C-alpha atoms as a PDB file:
ATOM      1  CA  UNK A   1     -29.924  22.025  39.009  1.00  0.00           C
ATOM      2  CA  UNK A   2     -28.650  20.433  41.789  1.00  0.00           C
ATOM      3  CA  UNK A   3     -28.288  21.352  45.235  1.00  0.00           C
ATOM      4  CA  UNK A   4     -27.109  20.376  47.951  1.00  0.00           C
ATOM      5  CA  UNK A   5     -27.655  20.207  51.481  1.00  0.00           C
ATOM      6  CA  UNK A   6     -25.025  20.417  54.566  1.00  0.00           C
ATOM      7  CA  UNK A   7     -26.940  21.056  57.854  1.00  0.00           C
ATOM      8  CA  UNK A   8     -23.494  20.240  59.952  1.00  0.00           C
ATOM      9  CA  UNK A   9     -21.499  22.005  57.808  1.00  0.00           C
ATOM     10  CA  UNK A  10     -17.588  22.625  58.724  1.00  0.00           C
ATOM     11  CA  UNK A  11     -13.906  24.031  58.258  1.00  0.00           C
ATOM     12  CA  UNK A  12     -11.943  21.654  57.317  1.00  0.00           C
ATOM     13  CA  UNK A  13      -8.071  21.711  58.921  1.00  0.00           C
ATOM     14  CA  UNK A  14      -5.571  18.833  57.826  1.00  0.00           C
ATOM     15  CA  UNK A  15      -2.448  18.295  58.615  1.00  0.00           C
ATOM     16  CA  UNK A  16      -0.110  15.947  57.737  1.00  0.00           C
ATOM     17  CA  UNK A  17       2.934  15.210  60.388  1.00  0.00           C
ATOM     18  CA  UNK A  18       5.521  12.792  59.461  1.00  0.00           C
ATOM     19  CA  UNK A  19       5.345  11.783  63.457  1.00  0.00           C
ATOM     20  CA  UNK A  20       4.026  12.015  66.842  1.00  0.00           C
ATOM     21  CA  UNK A  21       6.180  11.945  69.623  1.00  0.00           C
ATOM     22  CA  UNK A  22       5.539  12.005  73.536  1.00  0.00           C
ATOM     23  CA  UNK A  23       7.454  14.730  75.128  1.00  0.00           C
ATOM     24  CA  UNK A  24       7.478  15.281  78.383  1.00  0.00           C
ATOM     25  CA  UNK A  25       4.051  15.809  79.393  1.00  0.00           C
ATOM     26  CA  UNK A  26       3.068  16.280  75.805  1.00  0.00           C
ATOM     27  CA  UNK A  27       2.345  14.268  72.686  1.00  0.00           C
ATOM     28  CA  UNK A  28       3.708  17.070  69.978  1.00  0.00           C
ATOM     29  CA  UNK A  29       4.665  17.143  66.481  1.00  0.00           C
ATOM     30  CA  UNK A  30       4.951  19.248  63.621  1.00  0.00           C
ATOM     31  CA  UNK A  31       2.995  19.453  60.837  1.00  0.00           C
ATOM     32  CA  UNK A  32       5.152  19.890  57.665  1.00  0.00           C
ATOM     33  CA  UNK A  33       1.627  20.714  55.450  1.00  0.00           C
ATOM     34  CA  UNK A  34      -1.287  21.955  56.199  1.00  0.00           C
ATOM     35  CA  UNK A  35      -4.235  21.946  54.109  1.00  0.00           C
ATOM     36  CA  UNK A  36      -8.019  24.677  55.095  1.00  0.00           C
ATOM     37  CA  UNK A  37     -10.966  24.132  53.167  1.00  0.00           C
ATOM     38  CA  UNK A  38     -14.840  25.008  53.638  1.00  0.00           C
ATOM     39  CA  UNK A  39     -16.424  21.628  54.480  1.00  0.00           C
ATOM     40  CA  UNK A  40     -19.283  19.259  55.594  1.00  0.00           C
ATOM     41  CA  UNK A  41     -20.025  16.462  53.809  1.00  0.00           C
ATOM     42  CA  UNK A  42     -23.041  18.030  51.234  1.00  0.00           C
ATOM     43  CA  UNK A  43     -20.582  21.101  50.572  1.00  0.00           C
ATOM     44  CA  UNK A  44     -17.277  18.671  49.242  1.00  0.00           C
ATOM     45  CA  UNK A  45     -19.346  17.798  47.262  1.00  0.00           C
ATOM     46  CA  UNK A  46     -21.013  21.475  45.215  1.00  0.00           C
ATOM     47  CA  UNK A  47     -17.172  22.278  45.685  1.00  0.00           C
ATOM     48  CA  UNK A  48     -16.775  18.466  43.969  1.00  0.00           C
ATOM     49  CA  UNK A  49     -19.399  19.898  41.007  1.00  0.00           C
ATOM     50  CA  UNK A  50     -18.475  23.239  40.663  1.00  0.00           C
ATOM     51  CA  UNK A  51     -15.241  21.080  38.999  1.00  0.00           C
ATOM     52  CA  UNK A  52     -16.676  19.566  36.342  1.00  0.00           C
ATOM     53  CA  UNK A  53     -18.858  22.486  35.208  1.00  0.00           C
ATOM     54  CA  UNK A  54     -21.963  21.607  37.314  1.00  0.00           C
ATOM     55  CA  UNK A  55     -24.123  24.444  38.209  1.00  0.00           C
ATOM     56  CA  UNK A  56     -25.648  23.584  42.289  1.00  0.00           C
ATOM     57  CA  UNK A  57     -26.849  25.411  44.958  1.00  0.00           C
ATOM     58  CA  UNK A  58     -25.519  24.658  48.702  1.00  0.00           C
ATOM     59  CA  UNK A  59     -27.963  25.308  51.439  1.00  0.00           C
ATOM     60  CA  UNK A  60     -26.952  24.580  55.128  1.00  0.00           C
ATOM     61  CA  UNK A  61     -27.107  26.277  58.374  1.00  0.00           C
ATOM     62  CA  UNK A  62     -23.991  28.578  59.378  1.00  0.00           C
ATOM     63  CA  UNK A  63     -23.074  31.556  61.597  1.00  0.00           C
ATOM     64  CA  UNK A  64     -20.268  32.916  63.205  1.00  0.00           C
ATOM     65  CA  UNK A  65     -16.957  33.836  61.496  1.00  0.00           C
ATOM     66  CA  UNK A  66     -16.454  30.048  60.648  1.00  0.00           C
ATOM     67  CA  UNK A  67     -19.741  30.594  58.625  1.00  0.00           C
ATOM     68  CA  UNK A  68     -18.573  33.788  56.828  1.00  0.00           C
ATOM     69  CA  UNK A  69     -14.996  32.067  55.910  1.00  0.00           C
ATOM     70  CA  UNK A  70     -17.491  28.818  54.568  1.00  0.00           C
ATOM     71  CA  UNK A  71     -19.397  31.169  51.932  1.00  0.00           C
ATOM     72  CA  UNK A  72     -16.839  33.491  50.731  1.00  0.00           C
ATOM     73  CA  UNK A  73     -14.902  30.262  49.138  1.00  0.00           C
ATOM     74  CA  UNK A  74     -18.006  28.898  48.679  1.00  0.00           C
ATOM     75  CA  UNK A  75     -18.155  31.905  46.334  1.00  0.00           C
ATOM     76  CA  UNK A  76     -14.985  31.817  45.623  1.00  0.00           C
ATOM     77  CA  UNK A  77     -15.698  28.475  43.545  1.00  0.00           C
ATOM     78  CA  UNK A  78     -18.354  29.759  41.671  1.00  0.00           C
ATOM     79  CA  UNK A  79     -21.196  27.927  44.069  1.00  0.00           C
ATOM     80  CA  UNK A  80     -24.800  29.832  43.731  1.00  0.00           C
ATOM     81  CA  UNK A  81     -25.528  29.786  48.140  1.00  0.00           C
ATOM     82  CA  UNK A  82     -28.518  29.826  49.523  1.00  0.00           C
ATOM     83  CA  UNK A  83     -27.909  29.403  53.457  1.00  0.00           C
ATOM     84  CA  UNK A  84     -29.085  29.439  56.387  1.00  0.00           C
ATOM     85  CA  UNK A  85     -28.015  31.543  59.775  1.00  0.00           C
ATOM     86  CA  UNK A  86     -27.184  31.621  63.486  1.00  0.00           C
ATOM     87  CA  UNK A  87     -26.060  32.631  65.885  1.00  0.00           C
ATOM     88  CA  UNK A  88     -23.253  29.863  66.726  1.00  0.00           C
ATOM     89  CA  UNK A  89     -20.437  29.974  65.350  1.00  0.00           C
ATOM     90  CA  UNK A  90     -20.124  26.510  62.389  1.00  0.00           C
ATOM     91  CA  UNK A  91     -17.712  24.423  63.978  1.00  0.00           C
ATOM     92  CA  UNK A  92     -13.870  22.850  62.867  1.00  0.00           C
ATOM     93  CA  UNK A  93     -12.534  19.489  61.893  1.00  0.00           C
ATOM     94  CA  UNK A  94      -9.460  18.686  62.212  1.00  0.00           C
ATOM     95  CA  UNK A  95      -7.281  15.219  60.437  1.00  0.00           C
ATOM     96  CA  UNK A  96      -4.108  14.117  61.314  1.00  0.00           C
ATOM     97  CA  UNK A  97      -2.706  12.160  58.819  1.00  0.00           C
ATOM     98  CA  UNK A  98       0.620  10.074  59.577  1.00  0.00           C
ATOM     99  CA  UNK A  99       3.718   9.467  57.223  1.00  0.00           C
ATOM    100  CA  UNK A 100       2.806   5.980  56.342  1.00  0.00           C
ATOM    101  CA  UNK A 101      -0.585   5.714  57.615  1.00  0.00           C
ATOM    102  CA  UNK A 102      -2.299   8.467  55.192  1.00  0.00           C
ATOM    103  CA  UNK A 103      -4.839   5.443  54.491  1.00  0.00           C
ATOM    104  CA  UNK A 104      -6.152   5.475  58.512  1.00  0.00           C
ATOM    105  CA  UNK A 105      -6.743   9.430  59.663  1.00  0.00           C
ATOM    106  CA  UNK A 106      -6.761  10.648  63.041  1.00  0.00           C
ATOM    107  CA  UNK A 107     -10.059  12.788  62.802  1.00  0.00           C
ATOM    108  CA  UNK A 108     -11.824  14.848  65.665  1.00  0.00           C
ATOM    109  CA  UNK A 109     -15.388  16.075  64.625  1.00  0.00           C
ATOM    110  CA  UNK A 110     -17.316  18.422  66.454  1.00  0.00           C
ATOM    111  CA  UNK A 111     -20.499  18.143  66.916  1.00  0.00           C
ATOM    112  CA  UNK A 112     -21.729  20.670  65.991  1.00  0.00           C
ATOM    113  CA  UNK A 113     -23.234  24.382  67.439  1.00  0.00           C
ATOM    114  CA  UNK A 114     -27.250  24.040  69.113  1.00  0.00           C
ATOM    115  CA  UNK A 115     -29.792  24.601  66.270  1.00  0.00           C
ATOM    116  CA  UNK A 116     -32.377  26.715  67.304  1.00  0.00           C
ATOM    117  CA  UNK A 117     -35.616  25.394  66.175  1.00  0.00           C
ATOM    118  CA  UNK A 118     -36.813  29.448  64.516  1.00  0.00           C
ATOM    119  CA  UNK A 119     -33.503  28.616  61.973  1.00  0.00           C
ATOM    120  CA  UNK A 120     -35.091  24.424  61.335  1.00  0.00           C
ATOM    121  CA  UNK A 121     -38.301  26.590  60.077  1.00  0.00           C
ATOM    122  CA  UNK A 122     -36.573  28.734  58.563  1.00  0.00           C
ATOM    123  CA  UNK A 123     -34.236  26.490  56.977  1.00  0.00           C
ATOM    124  CA  UNK A 124     -37.374  24.087  56.044  1.00  0.00           C
ATOM    125  CA  UNK A 125     -38.382  27.121  53.946  1.00  0.00           C
ATOM    126  CA  UNK A 126     -36.161  28.457  51.939  1.00  0.00           C
ATOM    127  CA  UNK A 127     -35.915  24.418  51.014  1.00  0.00           C
ATOM    128  CA  UNK A 128     -38.623  24.254  49.967  1.00  0.00           C
ATOM    129  CA  UNK A 129     -38.687  27.435  47.733  1.00  0.00           C
ATOM    130  CA  UNK A 130     -35.559  26.016  46.013  1.00  0.00           C
ATOM    131  CA  UNK A 131     -36.652  23.014  45.672  1.00  0.00           C
ATOM    132  CA  UNK A 132     -38.870  24.509  42.978  1.00  0.00           C
ATOM    133  CA  UNK A 133     -35.500  25.205  40.577  1.00  0.00           C
ATOM    134  CA  UNK A 134     -33.396  21.806  40.684  1.00  0.00           C
ATOM    135  CA  UNK A 135     -33.714  18.571  39.531  1.00  0.00           C
ATOM    136  CA  UNK A 136     -31.632  16.682  41.703  1.00  0.00           C
ATOM    137  CA  UNK A 137     -31.285  16.960  45.920  1.00  0.00           C
ATOM    138  CA  UNK A 138     -28.046  15.945  47.693  1.00  0.00           C
ATOM    139  CA  UNK A 139     -28.080  15.157  51.352  1.00  0.00           C
ATOM    140  CA  UNK A 140     -25.298  15.008  53.139  1.00  0.00           C
ATOM    141  CA  UNK A 141     -23.802  14.553  56.678  1.00  0.00           C
ATOM    142  CA  UNK A 142     -25.146  14.324  60.285  1.00  0.00           C
ATOM    143  CA  UNK A 143     -26.936  16.395  61.803  1.00  0.00           C
ATOM    144  CA  UNK A 144     -26.192  19.257  64.417  1.00  0.00           C
ATOM    145  CA  UNK A 145     -27.858  19.690  67.858  1.00  0.00           C
ATOM    146  CA  UNK A 146     -31.439  20.496  68.050  1.00  0.00           C
ATOM    147  CA  UNK A 147     -32.050  19.266  64.146  1.00  0.00           C
ATOM    148  CA  UNK A 148     -34.209  16.144  64.409  1.00  0.00           C
ATOM    149  CA  UNK A 149     -33.050  12.759  63.881  1.00  0.00           C
ATOM    150  CA  UNK A 150     -35.801  12.854  60.954  1.00  0.00           C
ATOM    151  CA  UNK A 151     -35.308  15.808  59.202  1.00  0.00           C
ATOM    152  CA  UNK A 152     -33.078  14.062  56.205  1.00  0.00           C
ATOM    153  CA  UNK A 153     -37.073  12.024  56.318  1.00  0.00           C
ATOM    154  CA  UNK A 154     -39.077  14.849  55.603  1.00  0.00           C
ATOM    155  CA  UNK A 155     -36.813  16.576  52.600  1.00  0.00           C
ATOM    156  CA  UNK A 156     -36.421  13.265  51.261  1.00  0.00           C
ATOM    157  CA  UNK A 157     -40.465  13.153  51.427  1.00  0.00           C
ATOM    158  CA  UNK A 158     -40.145  16.923  50.195  1.00  0.00           C
ATOM    159  CA  UNK A 159     -37.827  16.403  47.592  1.00  0.00           C
ATOM    160  CA  UNK A 160     -40.296  13.356  46.656  1.00  0.00           C
ATOM    161  CA  UNK A 161     -43.799  14.937  46.449  1.00  0.00           C
ATOM    162  CA  UNK A 162     -42.405  16.780  43.465  1.00  0.00           C
ATOM    163  CA  UNK A 163     -40.966  14.125  41.488  1.00  0.00           C
ATOM    164  CA  UNK A 164     -37.589  15.580  42.595  1.00  0.00           C
ATOM    165  CA  UNK A 165     -33.968  12.646  42.411  1.00  0.00           C
ATOM    166  CA  UNK A 166     -32.710  12.180  46.313  1.00  0.00           C
ATOM    167  CA  UNK A 167     -29.168  11.400  46.740  1.00  0.00           C
ATOM    168  CA  UNK A 168     -28.055  10.472  50.796  1.00  0.00           C
ATOM    169  CA  UNK A 169     -25.343   9.819  52.479  1.00  0.00           C
ATOM    170  CA  UNK A 170     -25.278   9.802  56.148  1.00  0.00           C
ATOM    171  CA  UNK A 171     -24.239   7.693  59.380  1.00  0.00           C
ATOM    172  CA  UNK A 172     -25.229   6.346  62.265  1.00  0.00           C
ATOM    173  CA  UNK A 173     -28.290   6.774  63.222  1.00  0.00           C
ATOM    174  CA  UNK A 174     -29.888   9.398  60.409  1.00  0.00           C
ATOM    175  CA  UNK A 175     -30.185   6.056  58.180  1.00  0.00           C
ATOM    176  CA  UNK A 176     -33.275   4.401  58.986  1.00  0.00           C
ATOM    177  CA  UNK A 177     -35.276   7.416  58.755  1.00  0.00           C
ATOM    178  CA  UNK A 178     -33.560   8.356  54.859  1.00  0.00           C
ATOM    179  CA  UNK A 179     -34.053   5.102  54.139  1.00  0.00           C
ATOM    180  CA  UNK A 180     -37.878   4.677  55.062  1.00  0.00           C
ATOM    181  CA  UNK A 181     -38.404   7.742  52.597  1.00  0.00           C
ATOM    182  CA  UNK A 182     -37.244   5.703  49.706  1.00  0.00           C
ATOM    183  CA  UNK A 183     -34.752   8.557  48.295  1.00  0.00           C
ATOM    184  CA  UNK A 184     -33.592   7.233  44.588  1.00  0.00           C
ATOM    185  CA  UNK A 185     -29.812   6.394  46.910  1.00  0.00           C
ATOM    186  CA  UNK A 186     -28.613   6.230  49.880  1.00  0.00           C
ATOM    187  CA  UNK A 187     -25.247   5.565  50.434  1.00  0.00           C
ATOM    188  CA  UNK A 188     -25.036   4.859  54.272  1.00  0.00           C
ATOM    189  CA  UNK A 189     -21.985   6.153  56.053  1.00  0.00           C
ATOM    190  CA  UNK A 190     -20.035   3.266  57.605  1.00  0.00           C
ATOM    191  CA  UNK A 191     -16.574   5.165  59.027  1.00  0.00           C
ATOM    192  CA  UNK A 192     -17.106   4.477  62.622  1.00  0.00           C
ATOM    193  CA  UNK A 193     -18.827   1.286  62.683  1.00  0.00           C
ATOM    194  CA  UNK A 194     -19.808  -1.417  60.101  1.00  0.00           C
ATOM    195  CA  UNK A 195     -23.193  -1.356  60.766  1.00  0.00           C
ATOM    196  CA  UNK A 196     -25.934  -0.324  59.078  1.00  0.00           C
ATOM    197  CA  UNK A 197     -29.408  -0.111  61.088  1.00  0.00           C
ATOM    198  CA  UNK A 198     -28.510  -2.632  63.407  1.00  0.00           C
ATOM    199  CA  UNK A 199     -26.611  -4.985  61.486  1.00  0.00           C
ATOM    200  CA  UNK A 200     -22.917  -6.186  60.775  1.00  0.00           C
ATOM    201  CA  UNK A 201     -21.671  -5.926  57.752  1.00  0.00           C
ATOM    202  CA  UNK A 202     -18.487  -8.242  58.023  1.00  0.00           C
ATOM    203  CA  UNK A 203     -18.627 -10.107  54.123  1.00  0.00           C
ATOM    204  CA  UNK A 204     -20.437  -8.999  50.590  1.00  0.00           C
ATOM    205  CA  UNK A 205     -24.105 -11.607  52.324  1.00  0.00           C
ATOM    206  CA  UNK A 206     -24.720  -9.298  54.517  1.00  0.00           C
ATOM    207  CA  UNK A 207     -24.140  -6.193  52.449  1.00  0.00           C
ATOM    208  CA  UNK A 208     -26.819  -7.837  50.367  1.00  0.00           C
ATOM    209  CA  UNK A 209     -29.300  -8.565  53.057  1.00  0.00           C
ATOM    210  CA  UNK A 210     -28.999  -4.777  53.968  1.00  0.00           C
ATOM    211  CA  UNK A 211     -29.233  -3.252  50.688  1.00  0.00           C
ATOM    212  CA  UNK A 212     -32.323  -5.856  50.268  1.00  0.00           C
ATOM    213  CA  UNK A 213     -33.606  -4.375  53.545  1.00  0.00           C
ATOM    214  CA  UNK A 214     -33.721  -0.521  52.776  1.00  0.00           C
ATOM    215  CA  UNK A 215     -35.194  -1.403  48.998  1.00  0.00           C
ATOM    216  CA  UNK A 216     -37.892  -3.104  50.903  1.00  0.00           C
ATOM    217  CA  UNK A 217     -38.980   1.304  51.997  1.00  0.00           C
ATOM    218  CA  UNK A 218     -38.887   1.917  48.562  1.00  0.00           C
ATOM    219  CA  UNK A 219     -35.124   2.918  47.765  1.00  0.00           C
ATOM    220  CA  UNK A 220     -34.229   2.454  44.799  1.00  0.00           C
ATOM    221  CA  UNK A 221     -30.439   2.229  44.682  1.00  0.00           C
ATOM    222  CA  UNK A 222     -27.899   1.202  48.210  1.00  0.00           C
ATOM    223  CA  UNK A 223     -24.215   1.540  48.054  1.00  0.00           C
ATOM    224  CA  UNK A 224     -22.232   0.443  50.396  1.00  0.00           C
ATOM    225  CA  UNK A 225     -18.577   0.435  51.066  1.00  0.00           C
ATOM    226  CA  UNK A 226     -16.432  -3.220  51.415  1.00  0.00           C
ATOM    227  CA  UNK A 227     -12.871  -1.179  52.532  1.00  0.00           C
ATOM    228  CA  UNK A 228     -11.718   2.089  50.885  1.00  0.00           C
ATOM    229  CA  UNK A 229     -11.074   0.426  47.185  1.00  0.00           C
ATOM    230  CA  UNK A 230     -14.652  -1.473  46.867  1.00  0.00           C
ATOM    231  CA  UNK A 231     -18.220  -0.408  46.207  1.00  0.00           C
ATOM    232  CA  UNK A 232     -21.334  -2.913  45.993  1.00  0.00           C
ATOM    233  CA  UNK A 233     -24.415  -1.553  44.442  1.00  0.00           C
ATOM    234  CA  UNK A 234     -27.870  -2.803  45.477  1.00  0.00           C
ATOM    235  CA  UNK A 235     -30.430  -2.586  43.011  1.00  0.00           C
ATOM    236  CA  UNK A 236     -33.803  -3.716  42.605  1.00  0.00           C
ATOM    237  CA  UNK A 237     -33.271  -5.889  40.018  1.00  0.00           C
ATOM    238  CA  UNK A 238     -29.261  -6.763  39.991  1.00  0.00           C
ATOM    239  CA  UNK A 239     -26.626  -6.315  42.069  1.00  0.00           C
ATOM    240  CA  UNK A 240     -22.993  -5.356  41.147  1.00  0.00           C
ATOM    241  CA  UNK A 241     -20.025  -5.286  42.750  1.00  0.00           C
ATOM    242  CA  UNK A 242     -17.214  -2.844  41.732  1.00  0.00           C
ATOM    243  CA  UNK A 243     -13.176  -3.116  42.339  1.00  0.00           C
ATOM    244  CA  UNK A 244     -10.612  -0.784  42.434  1.00  0.00           C
ATOM    245  CA  UNK A 245      -6.838  -1.560  41.855  1.00  0.00           C
ATOM    246  CA  UNK A 246      -5.331  -0.489  45.426  1.00  0.00           C
ATOM    247  CA  UNK A 247      -2.127  -1.747  44.643  1.00  0.00           C
ATOM    248  CA  UNK A 248      -2.063   1.403  41.672  1.00  0.00           C
ATOM    249  CA  UNK A 249      -3.072   4.004  44.745  1.00  0.00           C
ATOM    250  CA  UNK A 250      -0.196   6.042  46.240  1.00  0.00           C
ATOM    251  CA  UNK A 251      -2.687   7.421  49.118  1.00  0.00           C
ATOM    252  CA  UNK A 252      -1.923  11.100  50.201  1.00  0.00           C
ATOM    253  CA  UNK A 253      -4.952  12.118  51.274  1.00  0.00           C
ATOM    254  CA  UNK A 254      -8.663  10.311  51.919  1.00  0.00           C
ATOM    255  CA  UNK A 255     -10.182  13.101  53.566  1.00  0.00           C
ATOM    256  CA  UNK A 256     -13.659  14.116  51.026  1.00  0.00           C
ATOM    257  CA  UNK A 257     -13.059  11.171  48.993  1.00  0.00           C
ATOM    258  CA  UNK A 258     -16.363   9.624  50.117  1.00  0.00           C
ATOM    259  CA  UNK A 259     -18.051  12.559  48.933  1.00  0.00           C
ATOM    260  CA  UNK A 260     -15.519  12.835  45.210  1.00  0.00           C
ATOM    261  CA  UNK A 261     -17.639   9.439  44.977  1.00  0.00           C
ATOM    262  CA  UNK A 262     -21.363  10.410  45.626  1.00  0.00           C
ATOM    263  CA  UNK A 263     -20.204  13.770  43.106  1.00  0.00           C
ATOM    264  CA  UNK A 264     -19.060  11.905  40.686  1.00  0.00           C
ATOM    265  CA  UNK A 265     -22.134   9.763  40.552  1.00  0.00           C
ATOM    266  CA  UNK A 266     -24.450  12.927  40.385  1.00  0.00           C
ATOM    267  CA  UNK A 267     -22.355  14.294  37.869  1.00  0.00           C
ATOM    268  CA  UNK A 268     -22.052  11.405  35.784  1.00  0.00           C
ATOM    269  CA  UNK A 269     -26.538  10.653  36.655  1.00  0.00           C
ATOM    270  CA  UNK A 270     -26.825  14.000  35.011  1.00  0.00           C
ATOM    271  CA  UNK A 271     -25.046  12.846  31.546  1.00  0.00           C
ATOM    272  CA  UNK A 272     -27.250  10.567  31.588  1.00  0.00           C
ATOM    273  CA  UNK A 273     -25.208   7.709  32.528  1.00  0.00           C
ATOM    274  CA  UNK A 274     -27.065   4.219  34.546  1.00  0.00           C
ATOM    275  CA  UNK A 275     -26.716   4.780  37.458  1.00  0.00           C
ATOM    276  CA  UNK A 276     -23.396   1.093  37.575  1.00  0.00           C
ATOM    277  CA  UNK A 277     -21.666   2.637  35.097  1.00  0.00           C
ATOM    278  CA  UNK A 278     -22.110   6.638  37.234  1.00  0.00           C
ATOM    279  CA  UNK A 279     -21.576   4.458  40.123  1.00  0.00           C
ATOM    280  CA  UNK A 280     -17.816   3.330  38.754  1.00  0.00           C
ATOM    281  CA  UNK A 281     -16.837   6.978  37.586  1.00  0.00           C
ATOM    282  CA  UNK A 282     -17.778   8.210  41.332  1.00  0.00           C
ATOM    283  CA  UNK A 283     -15.879   5.086  42.701  1.00  0.00           C
ATOM    284  CA  UNK A 284     -13.180   6.639  39.439  1.00  0.00           C
ATOM    285  CA  UNK A 285     -12.750   9.621  41.197  1.00  0.00           C
ATOM    286  CA  UNK A 286     -13.263   8.858  45.304  1.00  0.00           C
ATOM    287  CA  UNK A 287      -9.769   7.365  44.099  1.00  0.00           C
ATOM    288  CA  UNK A 288      -8.369  10.304  42.049  1.00  0.00           C
ATOM    289  CA  UNK A 289      -9.434  12.692  45.874  1.00  0.00           C
ATOM    290  CA  UNK A 290      -7.636   9.879  47.756  1.00  0.00           C
ATOM    291  CA  UNK A 291      -4.107  10.679  45.913  1.00  0.00           C
ATOM    292  CA  UNK A 292      -3.769  14.341  46.206  1.00  0.00           C
ATOM    293  CA  UNK A 293      -3.349  16.713  49.087  1.00  0.00           C
ATOM    294  CA  UNK A 294      -5.443  19.132  48.520  1.00  0.00           C
ATOM    295  CA  UNK A 295      -9.310  17.582  48.850  1.00  0.00           C
ATOM    296  CA  UNK A 296     -11.152  17.908  46.187  1.00  0.00           C
ATOM    297  CA  UNK A 297      -9.304  16.162  43.026  1.00  0.00           C
ATOM    298  CA  UNK A 298      -9.636  18.191  39.461  1.00  0.00           C
ATOM    299  CA  UNK A 299      -6.873  16.499  37.616  1.00  0.00           C
ATOM    300  CA  UNK A 300      -9.090  15.282  35.257  1.00  0.00           C
ATOM    301  CA  UNK A 301      -6.691  12.359  33.906  1.00  0.00           C
ATOM    302  CA  UNK A 302      -6.186  10.993  37.572  1.00  0.00           C
ATOM    303  CA  UNK A 303     -10.487   9.830  37.282  1.00  0.00           C
ATOM    304  CA  UNK A 304      -9.993   8.118  34.103  1.00  0.00           C
ATOM    305  CA  UNK A 305      -6.647   6.589  35.230  1.00  0.00           C
ATOM    306  CA  UNK A 306      -8.313   4.641  37.566  1.00  0.00           C
ATOM    307  CA  UNK A 307     -11.818   4.288  36.075  1.00  0.00           C
ATOM    308  CA  UNK A 308      -9.912   2.221  33.554  1.00  0.00           C
ATOM    309  CA  UNK A 309      -8.758   0.128  35.883  1.00  0.00           C
ATOM    310  CA  UNK A 310     -11.470  -0.457  38.156  1.00  0.00           C
ATOM    311  CA  UNK A 311     -13.767  -3.291  37.659  1.00  0.00           C
ATOM    312  CA  UNK A 312     -17.513  -3.560  36.922  1.00  0.00           C
ATOM    313  CA  UNK A 313     -18.979  -6.726  37.411  1.00  0.00           C
ATOM    314  CA  UNK A 314     -22.810  -7.891  38.017  1.00  0.00           C
ATOM    315  CA  UNK A 315     -23.289 -10.559  41.022  1.00  0.00           C
ATOM    316  CA  UNK A 316     -24.812 -13.438  40.250  1.00  0.00           C
ATOM    317  CA  UNK A 317     -26.931 -15.094  43.029  1.00  0.00           C
ATOM    318  CA  UNK A 318     -24.780 -17.837  45.090  1.00  0.00           C
ATOM    319  CA  UNK A 319     -21.967 -15.871  43.870  1.00  0.00           C
ATOM    320  CA  UNK A 320     -21.413 -14.511  47.265  1.00  0.00           C
ATOM    321  CA  UNK A 321     -19.133 -13.931  50.592  1.00  0.00           C
ATOM    322  CA  UNK A 322     -19.523 -15.692  53.656  1.00  0.00           C
END
């Protein structure tokens, strides 16, 4: 069984607009399409896994009416929940996709509610219990106020002590502590800033260098994106470059695409595939996701069509771009 952890979940609201007009003192737009769903990176992974028939448990910190809505949505998807309740309301996030600029959404993410120490302690107790039942843990997203910055480091270590595979997808200041625990795979989220652990990502060589820096902590695989359709997998023995066909993409909604990538990786690892092949499938799942309006694509034929167009090539020493 797979365990996903979303310590800062959200209710996602997505609006598609034709334009944003200045009318008097107000910038106004009318949405011609909307989508609302339970969200947060780990929750999106859970929804993807459930859609391909993989049993999983979603853990996280939720509260208020929004929290109850998220829990009900997860149950409706057939996802087992083991949630820690807090007094404050779970956050909502907003994405605005302007016609012709769907690949560059305007995203407004709340920082999340203040989490009391008692809730953190309760979550850790529940997490420790759940580790007896799972084979893989996926830790995703930001941390809300009140949760220690080193939380992912602690959670990875707890899982590793039980020989449980850990996959981490987070960004900014949370990458360093998580990497130092040596997860099986880490994918730094670089949407806000093309930088990881103080190192700027300017070309393939800089990506490889950052990846190797993280590997030195004991991590086995580092996955770093270079654009919407490309990834570089840095591993202990080899490095791989993956490229999707950008020209064939009709982008409708890229919100959650990175989480489908992680879900696809987990899906294929559970099927016994190698890490490079699992990452290739994950990229195909992410590319399929951007072609549909709802957040998680459930069309296997879209994934297969993308899979057929993705190149997976071993990177030879000295061939990196500078």
